[in-house]
Each structure stands twice: as structure tokens, then as C-alpha cells.
C-alpha atoms as a PDB file:
ATOM      1  CA  MET A   1     109.093 110.409 173.905  1.00  0.00           C
ATOM      2  CA  ALA A   2     111.571 108.604 176.051  1.00  0.00           C
ATOM      3  CA  SER A   3     115.151 109.743 176.034  1.00  0.00           C
ATOM      4  CA  LEU A   4     117.898 107.253 175.437  1.00  0.00           C
ATOM      5  CA  HIS A   5     121.347 107.394 176.896  1.00  0.00           C
ATOM      6  CA  LYS A   6     123.290 106.777 173.671  1.00  0.00           C
ATOM      7  CA  GLY A   7     121.728 108.191 170.597  1.00  0.00           C
ATOM      8  CA  SER A   8     118.275 108.319 169.166  1.00  0.00           C
ATOM      9  CA  PRO A   9     115.722 105.512 169.075  1.00  0.00           C
ATOM     10  CA  ARG A  10     116.588 104.974 165.449  1.00  0.00           C
ATOM     11  CA  LEU A  11     120.261 104.257 166.282  1.00  0.00           C
ATOM     12  CA  TRP A  12     119.187 102.053 169.167  1.00  0.00           C
ATOM     13  CA  LYS A  13     116.997  99.983 166.828  1.00  0.00           C
ATOM     14  CA  ARG A  14     119.815  99.646 164.315  1.00  0.00           C
ATOM     15  CA  ARG A  15     122.364  98.694 166.934  1.00  0.00           C
ATOM     16  CA  PHE A  16     120.408  96.187 169.044  1.00  0.00           C
ATOM     17  CA  LEU A  17     117.594  94.909 166.884  1.00  0.00           C
ATOM     18  CA  ASN A  18     119.404  94.462 163.576  1.00  0.00           C
ATOM     19  CA  PRO A  19     119.652  90.678 163.008  1.00  0.00           C
ATOM     20  CA  SER A  20     123.038  90.943 161.355  1.00  0.00           C
ATOM     21  CA  ARG A  21     124.507  92.617 164.422  1.00  0.00           C
ATOM     22  CA  ARG A  22     122.649  90.595 167.021  1.00  0.00           C
ATOM     23  CA  GLN A  23     124.996  88.684 169.253  1.00  0.00           C
ATOM     24  CA  THR A  24     124.240  85.009 169.588  1.00  0.00           C
ATOM     25  CA  PRO A  25     124.939  83.276 172.842  1.00  0.00           C
ATOM     26  CA  SER A  26     128.238  81.424 172.696  1.00  0.00           C
ATOM     27  CA  ARG A  27     127.803  77.731 172.170  1.00  0.00           C
ATOM     28  CA  GLN A  28     129.420  75.688 174.882  1.00  0.00           C
ATOM     29  CA  THR A  29     131.605  72.831 173.753  1.00  0.00           C
ATOM     30  CA  PRO A  30     130.541  69.561 175.321  1.00  0.00           C
ATOM     31  CA  ASN A  31     132.775  68.065 177.950  1.00  0.00           C
ATOM     32  CA  TYR A  32     133.409  64.547 176.630  1.00  0.00           C
ATOM     33  CA  SER A  33     134.472  61.900 179.076  1.00  0.00           C
ATOM     34  CA  LEU A  34     135.788  59.469 176.416  1.00  0.00           C
ATOM     35  CA  SER A  35     137.167  59.869 172.933  1.00  0.00           C
ATOM     36  CA  ILE A  36     136.888  57.126 170.328  1.00  0.00           C
ATOM     37  CA  SER A  37     138.247  56.904 166.788  1.00  0.00           C
ATOM     38  CA  LEU A  38     136.366  54.621 164.407  1.00  0.00           C
ATOM     39  CA  PRO A  39     136.991  53.645 160.787  1.00  0.00           C
ATOM     40  CA  TYR A  40     134.666  55.383 158.387  1.00  0.00           C
ATOM     41  CA  HIS A  41     131.984  53.302 156.732  1.00  0.00           C
ATOM     42  CA  PRO A  42     129.448  55.055 154.475  1.00  0.00           C
ATOM     43  CA  SER A  43     126.315  53.368 155.781  1.00  0.00           C
ATOM     44  CA  ILE A  44     126.944  53.064 159.518  1.00  0.00           C
ATOM     45  CA  SER A  45     129.329  55.854 160.522  1.00  0.00           C
ATOM     46  CA  LYS A  46     126.794  58.678 160.888  1.00  0.00           C
ATOM     47  CA  PRO A  47     124.164  56.684 162.814  1.00  0.00           C
ATOM     48  CA  LEU A  48     126.837  55.217 165.061  1.00  0.00           C
ATOM     49  CA  LYS A  49     128.328  58.639 165.720  1.00  0.00           C
ATOM     50  CA  LYS A  50     124.881  59.969 166.580  1.00  0.00           C
ATOM     51  CA  ILE A  51     124.234  57.144 169.049  1.00  0.00           C
ATOM     52  CA  LEU A  52     127.643  57.380 170.711  1.00  0.00           C
ATOM     53  CA  SER A  53     127.606  61.175 170.886  1.00  0.00           C
ATOM     54  CA  GLN A  54     124.326  61.310 172.827  1.00  0.00           C
ATOM     55  CA  ASP A  55     124.633  62.839 176.283  1.00  0.00           C
ATOM     56  CA  ASP A  56     128.152  64.054 175.415  1.00  0.00           C
ATOM     57  CA  ILE A  57     129.815  60.870 176.647  1.00  0.00           C
ATOM     58  CA  PHE A  58     131.858  59.938 173.573  1.00  0.00           C
ATOM     59  CA  LYS A  59     133.676  62.196 171.164  1.00  0.00           C
ATOM     60  CA  VAL A  60     133.641  60.261 167.887  1.00  0.00           C
ATOM     61  CA  THR A  61     136.152  60.856 165.106  1.00  0.00           C
ATOM     62  CA  HIS A  62     136.678  58.874 161.924  1.00  0.00           C
ATOM     63  CA  THR A  63     139.856  57.478 160.434  1.00  0.00           C
ATOM     64  CA  SER A  64     140.831  56.677 156.877  1.00  0.00           C
ATOM     65  CA  SER A  65     140.093  53.387 155.126  1.00  0.00           C
ATOM     66  CA  THR A  66     143.740  52.317 155.133  1.00  0.00           C
ATOM     67  CA  THR A  67     143.535  52.010 158.890  1.00  0.00           C
ATOM     68  CA  LEU A  68     140.375  49.955 158.497  1.00  0.00           C
ATOM     69  CA  ARG A  69     142.227  47.547 156.228  1.00  0.00           C
ATOM     70  CA  ASN A  70     145.029  47.250 158.758  1.00  0.00           C
ATOM     71  CA  LEU A  71     142.609  46.619 161.612  1.00  0.00           C
ATOM     72  CA  THR A  72     140.656  43.972 159.742  1.00  0.00           C
ATOM     73  CA  LYS A  73     143.731  42.084 158.563  1.00  0.00           C
ATOM     74  CA  THR A  74     143.347  38.779 160.368  1.00  0.00           C
ATOM     75  CA  LYS A  75     146.251  36.692 159.146  1.00  0.00           C
ATOM     76  CA  ALA A  76     149.835  37.396 160.032  1.00  0.00           C
ATOM     77  CA  THR A  77     152.643  35.846 158.036  1.00  0.00           C
ATOM     78  CA  PRO A  78     153.897  32.793 159.930  1.00  0.00           C
ATOM     79  CA  PRO A  79     157.626  32.185 160.397  1.00  0.00           C
ATOM     80  CA  PRO A  80     159.234  30.089 157.623  1.00  0.00           C
ATOM     81  CA  ASP A  81     159.434  26.956 159.788  1.00  0.00           C
ATOM     82  CA  LEU A  82     155.708  27.079 160.464  1.00  0.00           C
ATOM     83  CA  THR A  83     154.720  27.754 156.866  1.00  0.00           C
ATOM     84  CA  PRO A  84     152.745  24.865 155.357  1.00  0.00           C
ATOM     85  CA  HIS A  85     152.960  23.677 151.718  1.00  0.00           C
ATOM     86  CA  THR A  86     156.742  23.742 151.422  1.00  0.00           C
ATOM     87  CA  ILE A  87     159.351  22.058 149.244  1.00  0.00           C
ATOM     88  CA  TYR A  88     162.583  21.548 151.158  1.00  0.00           C
ATOM     89  CA  GLU A  89     166.068  20.055 150.758  1.00  0.00           C
ATOM     90  CA  ILE A  90     168.136  18.140 153.335  1.00  0.00           C
ATOM     91  CA  SER A  91     171.865  17.700 152.673  1.00  0.00           C
ATOM     92  CA  CYS A  92     174.390  15.112 153.850  1.00  0.00           C
ATOM     93  CA  LEU A  93     177.500  16.514 155.533  1.00  0.00           C
ATOM     94  CA  ASP A  94     179.830  13.712 154.405  1.00  0.00           C
ATOM     95  CA  CYS A  95     178.786  13.273 150.770  1.00  0.00           C
ATOM     96  CA  SER A  96     176.971  15.195 148.059  1.00  0.00           C
ATOM     97  CA  SER A  97     173.630  13.417 148.608  1.00  0.00           C
ATOM     98  CA  THR A  98     170.557  15.546 149.017  1.00  0.00           C
ATOM     99  CA  TYR A  99     166.970  14.716 149.804  1.00  0.00           C
ATOM    100  CA  ASN A 100     164.180  16.826 148.351  1.00  0.00           C
ATOM    101  CA  GLY A 101     160.833  16.601 150.086  1.00  0.00           C
ATOM    102  CA  GLN A 102     157.441  18.213 149.979  1.00  0.00           C
ATOM    103  CA  THR A 103     155.077  18.637 152.889  1.00  0.00           C
ATOM    104  CA  TYR A 104     151.659  20.149 153.274  1.00  0.00           C
ATOM    105  CA  ARG A 105     152.140  20.509 156.999  1.00  0.00           C
ATOM    106  CA  PRO A 106     154.432  23.013 158.721  1.00  0.00           C
ATOM    107  CA  LEU A 107     158.074  22.268 157.896  1.00  0.00           C
ATOM    108  CA  ILE A 108     159.183  22.137 161.526  1.00  0.00           C
ATOM    109  CA  HIS A 109     156.762  19.260 162.207  1.00  0.00           C
ATOM    110  CA  ARG A 110     158.060  17.254 159.248  1.00  0.00           C
ATOM    111  CA  MET A 111     161.687  17.831 160.285  1.00  0.00           C
ATOM    112  CA  LYS A 112     160.936  16.532 163.788  1.00  0.00           C
ATOM    113  CA  GLU A 113     159.520  13.369 162.195  1.00  0.00           C
ATOM    114  CA  HIS A 114     162.739  12.867 160.184  1.00  0.00           C
ATOM    115  CA  GLU A 115     164.795  13.285 163.361  1.00  0.00           C
ATOM    116  CA  ARG A 116     162.577  10.883 165.347  1.00  0.00           C
ATOM    117  CA  CYS A 117     163.089   8.269 162.642  1.00  0.00           C
ATOM    118  CA  HIS A 118     166.868   8.712 162.900  1.00  0.00           C
ATOM    119  CA  ARG A 119     167.342   8.595 166.669  1.00  0.00           C
ATOM    120  CA  PRO A 120     165.765   5.286 167.688  1.00  0.00           C
ATOM    121  CA  ASN A 121     166.857   3.484 164.483  1.00  0.00           C
ATOM    122  CA  ASN A 122     163.363   3.232 163.066  1.00  0.00           C
ATOM    123  CA  ALA A 123     163.872   4.754 159.618  1.00  0.00           C
ATOM    124  CA  TYR A 124     162.609   1.538 158.013  1.00  0.00           C
ATOM    125  CA  ASP A 125     159.260  -0.097 158.796  1.00  0.00           C
ATOM    126  CA  GLU A 126     159.762  -3.855 158.422  1.00  0.00           C
ATOM    127  CA  THR A 127     156.081  -4.745 158.614  1.00  0.00           C
ATOM    128  CA  LEU A 128     155.219  -2.488 155.667  1.00  0.00           C
ATOM    129  CA  GLU A 129     158.670  -2.863 154.064  1.00  0.00           C
ATOM    130  CA  LYS A 130     158.767   0.872 153.623  1.00  0.00           C
ATOM    131  CA  VAL A 131     161.298   3.616 154.380  1.00  0.00           C
ATOM    132  CA  LYS A 132     159.774   6.141 156.800  1.00  0.00           C
ATOM    133  CA  SER A 133     162.469   8.769 156.327  1.00  0.00           C
ATOM    134  CA  ALA A 134     164.939   8.648 153.436  1.00  0.00           C
ATOM    135  CA  PRO A 135     167.506  11.014 155.040  1.00  0.00           C
ATOM    136  CA  ALA A 136     167.437   9.055 158.307  1.00  0.00           C
ATOM    137  CA  TYR A 137     167.717   5.766 156.388  1.00  0.00           C
ATOM    138  CA  HIS A 138     170.695   7.121 154.409  1.00  0.00           C
ATOM    139  CA  SER A 139     172.426   8.212 157.610  1.00  0.00           C
ATOM    140  CA  LEU A 140     171.782   4.944 159.450  1.00  0.00           C
ATOM    141  CA  THR A 141     172.791   2.622 156.591  1.00  0.00           C
ATOM    142  CA  THR A 142     175.922   4.513 155.491  1.00  0.00           C
ATOM    143  CA  GLY A 143     177.036   5.970 158.835  1.00  0.00           C
ATOM    144  CA  ARG A 144     177.075   9.504 157.441  1.00  0.00           C
ATOM    145  CA  ARG A 145     175.767  12.657 159.095  1.00  0.00           C
ATOM    146  CA  ILE A 146     172.751  14.701 158.029  1.00  0.00           C
ATOM    147  CA  THR A 147     172.413  18.474 158.498  1.00  0.00           C
ATOM    148  CA  TRP A 148     169.204  18.445 160.538  1.00  0.00           C
ATOM    149  CA  ASN A 149     169.574  22.108 161.529  1.00  0.00           C
ATOM    150  CA  ASP A 150     170.426  23.479 158.073  1.00  0.00           C
ATOM    151  CA  ILE A 151     167.348  22.783 155.960  1.00  0.00           C
ATOM    152  CA  GLN A 152     166.970  24.681 152.716  1.00  0.00           C
ATOM    153  CA  ARG A 153     163.462  25.856 151.874  1.00  0.00           C
ATOM    154  CA  ALA A 154     163.178  25.662 148.117  1.00  0.00           C
ATOM    155  CA  MET A 155     159.772  27.258 147.660  1.00  0.00           C
ATOM    156  CA  ARG A 156     156.265  27.473 148.899  1.00  0.00           C
ATOM    157  CA  VAL A 157     153.796  25.321 146.963  1.00  0.00           C
END
């Protein structure tokens, strides 16, 4: 029988051949060149992670659904002057007259139209016999001043 350096063959079998004590080779962590964080989606996240993780190029992690909602939000709130569907009020500086108007276009565009009607004295269209801009017409016929820069937004329609 062969002699063993440390203990009997029975101890050697227990020490080196016992599956519970067998040492497994250490698993090397892949060296990823890029890291990517994707929103989690139940049907496509695992297959996409598998595809991107091939060849250890991408390290794929998943984020929560609140981030997904933030990323997919496409509309930002426009500034008040660019908001369409607005009811507005223009005041006269010299008297208590006010003009209430409603526009379905951005408010800044409608205000520029009122000012254009005031400057070249074309608040009234003689061919159609129609007032183009009531605040401009009021200012031109009475000689009073309009607050073009201080428009009150009443509400959004």
C-alpha cells in the first residue's frame, strides 16, 4: 500500500474527494467595456440583456419604471406666452376699459397682431367694415394708451 504524506488514504479521500469540500475554480468577472442602464420591461428586458451581454461588451442593468415614465415623457410645458387656447385681458392705461379675448393660437402671436393693427393705423378694415383689433381701435379713436406688455391671462380653455 502506498504511503501518504499527511494521514491515511481514508483521510485523503475525505479531504480531497468529498464534493462538499471540493474547491471550485474561482469565476472570473467579465471585463465590460461599456455599461448601459435600461428601463425594465417584462417582455423584452431579459432577451435584450442576453443579446447585449454577449461577448462581455455591455454590462446591462435595469432601472425602475418611474425613470421609464420620465424618459418617455415627450411634451414639456410651454411658457405661458406660447400656450394655445387662452382667454386673456388687455387693459387701457388711461381709463377703466378692458378687452377680453380668446385665442386658440399661442397668446404671443395674437398680441403681435393687436400691436401690428395699432402701429400703422389699420385697426379698422374699410373694405369689410370690420374692426381688426378692438384694443387698437379704442386706442386710435380715443387717443388713449393700451398696456401691450401687461396682458393678463385669465385661464386656459
